[in-house]
Amino acid sequence: MDMRTLVCCSVAVSLVLAGAASRELLAQEGKSQSQVTTPSSSAPRLVSPVLPVYPQIAQAARIEGFVRLGMSINLEGRVVQMRVLRSVPLLDQAAIDAVRQWRFERPSEDSANVTVTVNFRFNDPFRYPRPATYRQPLSSWIPKNFAFVYKYECRQTTVEMDSIARLVTDTRGRPPKTRSFAFGFEGEQAADVYVALVEAGVFASGQTGRTTWREVAPVELGIEQVDDQIMMTVPAELPVIDVRISRREIQWVGGDRPARSFFHTLKVRRDDSWTEVNWTEPLNALSAEREQTLSTAGKRLRALVRKNLTDAKMRPACL
């Protein structure tokens, strides 16, 4: 029985993460909310909204969450009283400043009460869906939408292979200079890569040292009113933490200078779920079996990409 038959017969185990955080939040706070404001049966319609601006300090601190406000509307349709029913300290003022400028239709009674929930939410660009396209459908035993992104260090160069973009990029020098190289990645190459990853145990149940996540479409800016409840979403892209370590000359006293380690990161997608594994090279006698198999998979990926470069005369560094 060949390897592809084994792959075809294997059962992939994936973790499905799903939830509706905002609905659970509303359910959990129903009692406290009813104690503060009395919903109106004839709530005025919001006619002139002003959307909050996601505070830069909260973005830098990666703070997100729900801010809930209870407010009263006077006969002119203006907000005259406001209370914070649920607080996120770095986000409260942005919500208050925006909502204070709102204008409503004239209430049918002397005043009306409205509750506003502002959802400050991060979008993670790396988790946006990136469809993989193939000229011919993949074999049935290869997961739908199969793709990989493999990034590693080599001497003074960082190399990244992206099967979705079908590009290899190498970055080197100060200031950094990046070169790109195209490579072919169709059904046959996808099959070879998938077999190599299965043999490396990347998808094995119980595998340690890996992380998984699902692709998520970005949340859009929006506002919705249902009776006396207004729900508003204010998104921002998750900030990238740029950690820069200045070079330091270290003087070694006695003994051999330790060998430098190079970091490898491999991300693989099956359907809409990604799996990430990491390891360091070069290996030594104390390297775990897991790192040895992952290193072998990395070598096979590099060989397959090198073989399928569109221009064989042009090669990235360390491929």
Foldseek 3Di string as FASTA:
>chain_A
DDLLVVLLPDDFDDDDDDDDVVVVVCVVCVVLVCVPDPADPFFFAWDDFFDFDQDPVCLVVVDWFKWKKKFKAAQQQATDDIDTSDDDPVCHVRVVVRNNPTGTHGTPDRMGMAMEMETEEADEVVLADQAADAPDDAPPSAFHRKWKWKWKDDDQKIWIQGNRVQWIWIWGDVVIDIDIFHFDDHRVLSSLLVSLCVQLVQRPPPDPAKDKDFRDHDDDFDWDDDRRYIYTYDYDYRDDDDDDDDDDDDDDDDDDDDDDKMKMWMWIDGPGMIMIHIDIDDDDPPDDPSNVSVVVSVVSVVVSRLVGTPDVVDDDPPD
